[in-house]
C-alpha atoms as a PDB file:
ATOM      1  CA  GLU A   1     -79.739 -29.886  46.205  1.00  0.00           C
ATOM      2  CA  ALA A   2     -78.824 -26.840  44.040  1.00  0.00           C
ATOM      3  CA  ILE A   3     -75.885 -25.722  46.464  1.00  0.00           C
ATOM      4  CA  ALA A   4     -74.270 -29.033  46.813  1.00  0.00           C
ATOM      5  CA  SER A   5     -73.997 -29.295  42.850  1.00  0.00           C
ATOM      6  CA  TYR A   6     -72.680 -25.674  42.614  1.00  0.00           C
ATOM      7  CA  ARG A   7     -70.209 -26.446  45.548  1.00  0.00           C
ATOM      8  CA  ALA A   8     -68.562 -29.555  43.847  1.00  0.00           C
ATOM      9  CA  VAL A   9     -68.032 -27.602  40.814  1.00  0.00           C
ATOM     10  CA  ILE A  10     -66.052 -25.148  42.392  1.00  0.00           C
ATOM     11  CA  ASP A  11     -64.536 -27.206  44.615  1.00  0.00           C
ATOM     12  CA  ALA A  12     -63.388 -29.112  41.581  1.00  0.00           C
ATOM     13  CA  ALA A  13     -62.854 -26.186  38.823  1.00  0.00           C
ATOM     14  CA  ASP A  14     -59.105 -25.050  38.530  1.00  0.00           C
ATOM     15  CA  PRO A  15     -59.154 -21.273  38.430  1.00  0.00           C
ATOM     16  CA  ARG A  16     -56.506 -21.629  35.468  1.00  0.00           C
ATOM     17  CA  ALA A  17     -58.504 -23.665  33.317  1.00  0.00           C
ATOM     18  CA  ASP A  18     -62.235 -24.154  34.547  1.00  0.00           C
ATOM     19  CA  ALA A  19     -62.404 -19.776  34.915  1.00  0.00           C
ATOM     20  CA  LYS A  20     -65.385 -19.359  33.235  1.00  0.00           C
ATOM     21  CA  LEU A  21     -66.871 -21.849  34.670  1.00  0.00           C
ATOM     22  CA  LEU A  22     -65.603 -21.317  38.210  1.00  0.00           C
ATOM     23  CA  ALA A  23     -67.076 -17.750  37.753  1.00  0.00           C
ATOM     24  CA  GLU A  24     -70.566 -19.092  36.971  1.00  0.00           C
ATOM     25  CA  ALA A  25     -70.358 -21.869  39.373  1.00  0.00           C
ATOM     26  CA  LEU A  26     -70.016 -18.865  41.904  1.00  0.00           C
ATOM     27  CA  ARG A  27     -72.566 -16.191  40.328  1.00  0.00           C
ATOM     28  CA  ARG A  28     -75.083 -18.898  40.160  1.00  0.00           C
ATOM     29  CA  LEU A  29     -74.446 -20.113  43.814  1.00  0.00           C
ATOM     30  CA  GLY A  30     -74.508 -16.369  44.848  1.00  0.00           C
ATOM     31  CA  ASN A  31     -78.014 -16.004  43.725  1.00  0.00           C
ATOM     32  CA  VAL A  32     -79.476 -18.900  45.391  1.00  0.00           C
ATOM     33  CA  HIS A  33     -77.877 -17.298  48.875  1.00  0.00           C
ATOM     34  CA  ARG A  34     -79.154 -14.161  47.839  1.00  0.00           C
ATOM     35  CA  ARG A  35     -82.648 -16.152  47.025  1.00  0.00           C
ATOM     36  CA  ARG A  36     -82.369 -17.105  50.843  1.00  0.00           C
ATOM     37  CA  HIS A  37     -81.375 -13.888  52.126  1.00  0.00           C
ATOM     38  CA  GLU A  38     -77.673 -14.814  53.035  1.00  0.00           C
ATOM     39  CA  LEU A  39     -76.586 -11.897  51.674  1.00  0.00           C
ATOM     40  CA  ASP A  40     -72.861 -11.884  52.992  1.00  0.00           C
ATOM     41  CA  VAL A  41     -72.195 -15.005  51.422  1.00  0.00           C
ATOM     42  CA  ALA A  42     -73.712 -13.964  48.437  1.00  0.00           C
ATOM     43  CA  THR A  43     -71.779 -10.676  48.148  1.00  0.00           C
ATOM     44  CA  GLU A  44     -68.434 -12.844  49.035  1.00  0.00           C
ATOM     45  CA  LEU A  45     -70.085 -15.124  46.045  1.00  0.00           C
ATOM     46  CA  MET A  46     -70.324 -12.638  43.533  1.00  0.00           C
ATOM     47  CA  GLN A  47     -67.064 -10.624  44.369  1.00  0.00           C
ATOM     48  CA  ARG A  48     -65.239 -13.646  43.806  1.00  0.00           C
ATOM     49  CA  SER A  49     -66.789 -13.920  40.525  1.00  0.00           C
ATOM     50  CA  PHE A  50     -66.637 -11.171  39.903  1.00  0.00           C
ATOM     51  CA  GLU A  51     -62.194 -11.269  40.504  1.00  0.00           C
ATOM     52  CA  VAL A  52     -62.618 -14.737  38.275  1.00  0.00           C
ATOM     53  CA  SER A  53     -64.271 -13.325  35.450  1.00  0.00           C
ATOM     54  CA  LEU A  54     -61.546 -10.327  35.409  1.00  0.00           C
ATOM     55  CA  ALA A  55     -58.815 -13.081  35.255  1.00  0.00           C
ATOM     56  CA  ALA A  56     -60.369 -14.688  32.592  1.00  0.00           C
ATOM     57  CA  ASN A  57     -61.078 -11.405  30.672  1.00  0.00           C
ATOM     58  CA  ASP A  58     -64.632 -12.520  30.062  1.00  0.00           C
ATOM     59  CA  PRO A  59     -66.446  -9.074  29.749  1.00  0.00           C
ATOM     60  CA  SER A  60     -70.354 -10.864  29.930  1.00  0.00           C
ATOM     61  CA  LEU A  61     -68.852 -12.820  33.175  1.00  0.00           C
ATOM     62  CA  VAL A  62     -67.380  -9.618  34.802  1.00  0.00           C
ATOM     63  CA  GLY A  63     -71.200  -7.306  33.587  1.00  0.00           C
ATOM     64  CA  GLU A  64     -73.375 -10.462  35.012  1.00  0.00           C
ATOM     65  CA  ALA A  65     -71.037 -10.286  38.614  1.00  0.00           C
ATOM     66  CA  LEU A  66     -71.479  -6.905  38.724  1.00  0.00           C
ATOM     67  CA  ASN A  67     -75.629  -6.741  37.670  1.00  0.00           C
ATOM     68  CA  ALA A  68     -75.798  -9.571  40.529  1.00  0.00           C
ATOM     69  CA  LEU A  69     -73.832  -7.789  42.627  1.00  0.00           C
ATOM     70  CA  ALA A  70     -75.905  -4.798  42.273  1.00  0.00           C
ATOM     71  CA  VAL A  71     -79.368  -6.952  42.915  1.00  0.00           C
ATOM     72  CA  ILE A  72     -77.712  -8.070  46.397  1.00  0.00           C
ATOM     73  CA  HIS A  73     -76.729  -3.665  47.340  1.00  0.00           C
ATOM     74  CA  PHE A  74     -80.576  -3.778  46.071  1.00  0.00           C
ATOM     75  CA  VAL A  75     -81.793  -6.128  48.510  1.00  0.00           C
ATOM     76  CA  ARG A  76     -79.533  -4.609  51.069  1.00  0.00           C
ATOM     77  CA  GLY A  77     -80.939  -0.593  50.952  1.00  0.00           C
ATOM     78  CA  ASP A  78     -78.005   0.328  49.504  1.00  0.00           C
ATOM     79  CA  TRP A  79     -79.441   1.612  46.254  1.00  0.00           C
ATOM     80  CA  GLU A  80     -77.010   4.221  45.529  1.00  0.00           C
ATOM     81  CA  ARG A  81     -74.302   1.145  45.749  1.00  0.00           C
ATOM     82  CA  ALA A  82     -76.687  -0.831  43.434  1.00  0.00           C
ATOM     83  CA  ARG A  83     -77.227   1.839  40.862  1.00  0.00           C
ATOM     84  CA  GLN A  84     -73.643   2.289  40.502  1.00  0.00           C
ATOM     85  CA  GLU A  85     -72.624  -1.563  39.992  1.00  0.00           C
ATOM     86  CA  ALA A  86     -75.867  -1.761  37.516  1.00  0.00           C
ATOM     87  CA  GLN A  87     -74.194   1.088  35.481  1.00  0.00           C
ATOM     88  CA  ARG A  88     -70.671  -0.825  36.004  1.00  0.00           C
ATOM     89  CA  ALA A  89     -72.235  -3.751  34.518  1.00  0.00           C
ATOM     90  CA  LEU A  90     -73.962  -1.454  31.748  1.00  0.00           C
ATOM     91  CA  ALA A  91     -70.791  -0.181  30.341  1.00  0.00           C
ATOM     92  CA  VAL A  92     -69.534  -3.821  30.363  1.00  0.00           C
ATOM     93  CA  ALA A  93     -72.094  -4.480  28.012  1.00  0.00           C
ATOM     94  CA  GLY A  94     -72.312  -1.557  25.966  1.00  0.00           C
ATOM     95  CA  ASP A  95     -73.435  -2.702  22.455  1.00  0.00           C
ATOM     96  CA  ASN A  96     -72.227  -6.003  22.240  1.00  0.00           C
ATOM     97  CA  ASP A  97     -74.268  -7.782  24.614  1.00  0.00           C
ATOM     98  CA  ALA A  98     -77.904  -7.253  24.521  1.00  0.00           C
ATOM     99  CA  ALA A  99     -78.833  -9.917  26.851  1.00  0.00           C
ATOM    100  CA  LEU A 100     -76.806  -8.501  29.760  1.00  0.00           C
ATOM    101  CA  ARG A 101     -77.681  -4.853  28.829  1.00  0.00           C
ATOM    102  CA  ALA A 102     -81.286  -6.320  28.784  1.00  0.00           C
ATOM    103  CA  ARG A 103     -81.138  -7.354  32.162  1.00  0.00           C
ATOM    104  CA  VAL A 104     -78.967  -4.567  33.934  1.00  0.00           C
ATOM    105  CA  GLU A 105     -81.821  -2.561  32.656  1.00  0.00           C
ATOM    106  CA  GLN A 106     -84.616  -4.194  33.761  1.00  0.00           C
ATOM    107  CA  ASN A 107     -83.079  -4.307  37.170  1.00  0.00           C
ATOM    108  CA  LEU A 108     -82.830  -0.373  36.923  1.00  0.00           C
ATOM    109  CA  GLY A 109     -86.267  -0.235  35.983  1.00  0.00           C
ATOM    110  CA  THR A 110     -87.300  -2.091  39.097  1.00  0.00           C
ATOM    111  CA  MET A 111     -85.035   0.093  40.990  1.00  0.00           C
ATOM    112  CA  ALA A 112     -87.097   3.320  39.754  1.00  0.00           C
ATOM    113  CA  ASN A 113     -90.232   2.323  39.843  1.00  0.00           C
ATOM    114  CA  ALA A 114     -89.333   1.353  44.429  1.00  0.00           C
ATOM    115  CA  GLU A 115     -88.189   4.990  44.699  1.00  0.00           C
ATOM    116  CA  GLY A 116     -91.582   5.964  42.360  1.00  0.00           C
ATOM    117  CA  ASP A 117     -89.677   7.386  39.850  1.00  0.00           C
ATOM    118  CA  LEU A 118     -92.373   5.302  36.848  1.00  0.00           C
ATOM    119  CA  ASP A 119     -90.970   7.829  34.027  1.00  0.00           C
ATOM    120  CA  GLY A 120     -87.648   6.471  34.540  1.00  0.00           C
ATOM    121  CA  ALA A 121     -88.538   2.743  35.280  1.00  0.00           C
ATOM    122  CA  LEU A 122     -90.388   3.189  32.264  1.00  0.00           C
ATOM    123  CA  ALA A 123     -87.558   4.412  30.079  1.00  0.00           C
ATOM    124  CA  HIS A 124     -85.484   1.199  31.777  1.00  0.00           C
ATOM    125  CA  TYR A 125     -88.151  -1.018  30.874  1.00  0.00           C
ATOM    126  CA  GLN A 126     -88.592  -0.229  26.995  1.00  0.00           C
ATOM    127  CA  ARG A 127     -84.502  -0.147  26.955  1.00  0.00           C
ATOM    128  CA  SER A 128     -84.961  -3.384  28.046  1.00  0.00           C
ATOM    129  CA  LEU A 129     -87.617  -4.166  25.781  1.00  0.00           C
ATOM    130  CA  ASP A 130     -85.440  -3.010  23.060  1.00  0.00           C
ATOM    131  CA  ALA A 131     -82.163  -5.004  23.959  1.00  0.00           C
ATOM    132  CA  PHE A 132     -84.427  -8.567  25.122  1.00  0.00           C
ATOM    133  CA  ARG A 133     -85.217  -7.970  21.437  1.00  0.00           C
ATOM    134  CA  VAL A 134     -82.146  -7.603  19.700  1.00  0.00           C
ATOM    135  CA  ALA A 135     -81.037 -10.688  22.027  1.00  0.00           C
ATOM    136  CA  GLY A 136     -84.116 -12.743  20.989  1.00  0.00           C
ATOM    137  CA  ASP A 137     -84.786 -13.710  24.138  1.00  0.00           C
ATOM    138  CA  ARG A 138     -88.844 -14.385  24.289  1.00  0.00           C
ATOM    139  CA  ARG A 139     -89.204 -15.105  27.608  1.00  0.00           C
ATOM    140  CA  GLY A 140     -87.127 -11.375  28.562  1.00  0.00           C
ATOM    141  CA  LEU A 141     -89.414  -9.830  26.268  1.00  0.00           C
ATOM    142  CA  ALA A 142     -92.436 -10.887  28.007  1.00  0.00           C
ATOM    143  CA  ILE A 143     -90.884  -9.796  31.103  1.00  0.00           C
ATOM    144  CA  ALA A 144     -90.204  -6.636  29.875  1.00  0.00           C
ATOM    145  CA  TYR A 145     -93.784  -5.753  28.239  1.00  0.00           C
ATOM    146  CA  HIS A 146     -95.490  -7.898  31.543  1.00  0.00           C
ATOM    147  CA  ASN A 147     -93.216  -4.912  33.770  1.00  0.00           C
ATOM    148  CA  ILE A 148     -94.174  -1.814  30.757  1.00  0.00           C
ATOM    149  CA  GLY A 149     -98.121  -3.229  31.681  1.00  0.00           C
ATOM    150  CA  MET A 150     -97.758  -2.803  35.269  1.00  0.00           C
ATOM    151  CA  ASN A 151     -96.137   0.904  34.519  1.00  0.00           C
ATOM    152  CA  LYS A 152     -98.944   1.824  32.823  1.00  0.00           C
ATOM    153  CA  ALA A 153    -101.470   0.470  35.345  1.00  0.00           C
ATOM    154  CA  ASP A 154    -100.280   2.483  38.145  1.00  0.00           C
ATOM    155  CA  ARG A 155    -100.326   5.511  36.001  1.00  0.00           C
ATOM    156  CA  GLU A 156    -104.207   4.287  35.271  1.00  0.00           C
ATOM    157  CA  LEU A 157    -103.282   3.587  31.556  1.00  0.00           C
ATOM    158  CA  TRP A 158    -105.450   0.908  31.590  1.00  0.00           C
ATOM    159  CA  PRO A 159    -105.809   0.744  27.356  1.00  0.00           C
ATOM    160  CA  GLU A 160    -101.963   0.968  27.420  1.00  0.00           C
ATOM    161  CA  ALA A 161    -101.451  -1.756  29.868  1.00  0.00           C
ATOM    162  CA  ASP A 162    -103.727  -4.034  28.632  1.00  0.00           C
ATOM    163  CA  VAL A 163    -101.774  -4.042  25.177  1.00  0.00           C
ATOM    164  CA  SER A 164     -98.160  -4.587  26.913  1.00  0.00           C
ATOM    165  CA  PHE A 165    -100.154  -7.200  29.496  1.00  0.00           C
ATOM    166  CA  ARG A 166    -101.856  -8.944  26.459  1.00  0.00           C
ATOM    167  CA  THR A 167     -98.880  -8.668  24.437  1.00  0.00           C
ATOM    168  CA  SER A 168     -96.661 -10.607  27.180  1.00  0.00           C
ATOM    169  CA  LEU A 169     -99.712 -13.016  28.146  1.00  0.00           C
ATOM    170  CA  GLU A 170     -99.338 -14.252  24.049  1.00  0.00           C
ATOM    171  CA  MET A 171     -95.883 -14.938  24.628  1.00  0.00           C
ATOM    172  CA  ALA A 172     -95.683 -16.890  28.165  1.00  0.00           C
ATOM    173  CA  VAL A 173     -98.254 -18.952  26.500  1.00  0.00           C
ATOM    174  CA  ALA A 174     -96.032 -19.298  23.018  1.00  0.00           C
ATOM    175  CA  ILE A 175     -93.177 -20.103  25.297  1.00  0.00           C
ATOM    176  CA  GLY A 176     -94.850 -22.497  28.305  1.00  0.00           C
ATOM    177  CA  ASP A 177     -93.570 -20.318  31.019  1.00  0.00           C
ATOM    178  CA  VAL A 178     -96.396 -21.483  33.057  1.00  0.00           C
ATOM    179  CA  THR A 179     -95.344 -19.051  35.765  1.00  0.00           C
ATOM    180  CA  LEU A 180     -95.020 -15.495  33.626  1.00  0.00           C
ATOM    181  CA  ARG A 181     -98.996 -16.361  32.383  1.00  0.00           C
ATOM    182  CA  GLY A 182     -99.993 -16.220  35.621  1.00  0.00           C
ATOM    183  CA  LEU A 183     -98.334 -13.556  36.507  1.00  0.00           C
ATOM    184  CA  THR A 184     -99.112 -11.847  34.077  1.00  0.00           C
ATOM    185  CA  LEU A 185    -103.361 -12.975  34.258  1.00  0.00           C
END
């Protein structure tokens, strides 16, 4: 149903008049295909979203498309390219888009964690936490606290992990996010 809906928006959108809507729909449809592990289709859609965003001169959408491309490259196992795209997304976000910066840092933390670089992952998660705080994104904050808790648990720093998990749990309960609450528990 999501695929059909995004496809309808894409088909109906005028690339000049509805560029931002088109870029968003392309990226979201690409994410659906990525989740289904249809990576070639996802890459094509994300690349098109990037190009439409660039033509629309919308830095936020450009950064979102680059971040989404980074995730696809990470899933493919092309971690170097994933980091390059994520760094490009961070450059686009700069100091003006804290929400985007937070999500990119979160993804860079996940990449570092997957490579066993716990120090690097923690640094990214901390920057993500700071950016989510600036953006006022409570769900993002809860996720960042959860990831910091996981990082501390991996190091067997139990009291610090507990503080992060409890903070994440309080936020998850406050915003009513059952999935995040279960994950944190």
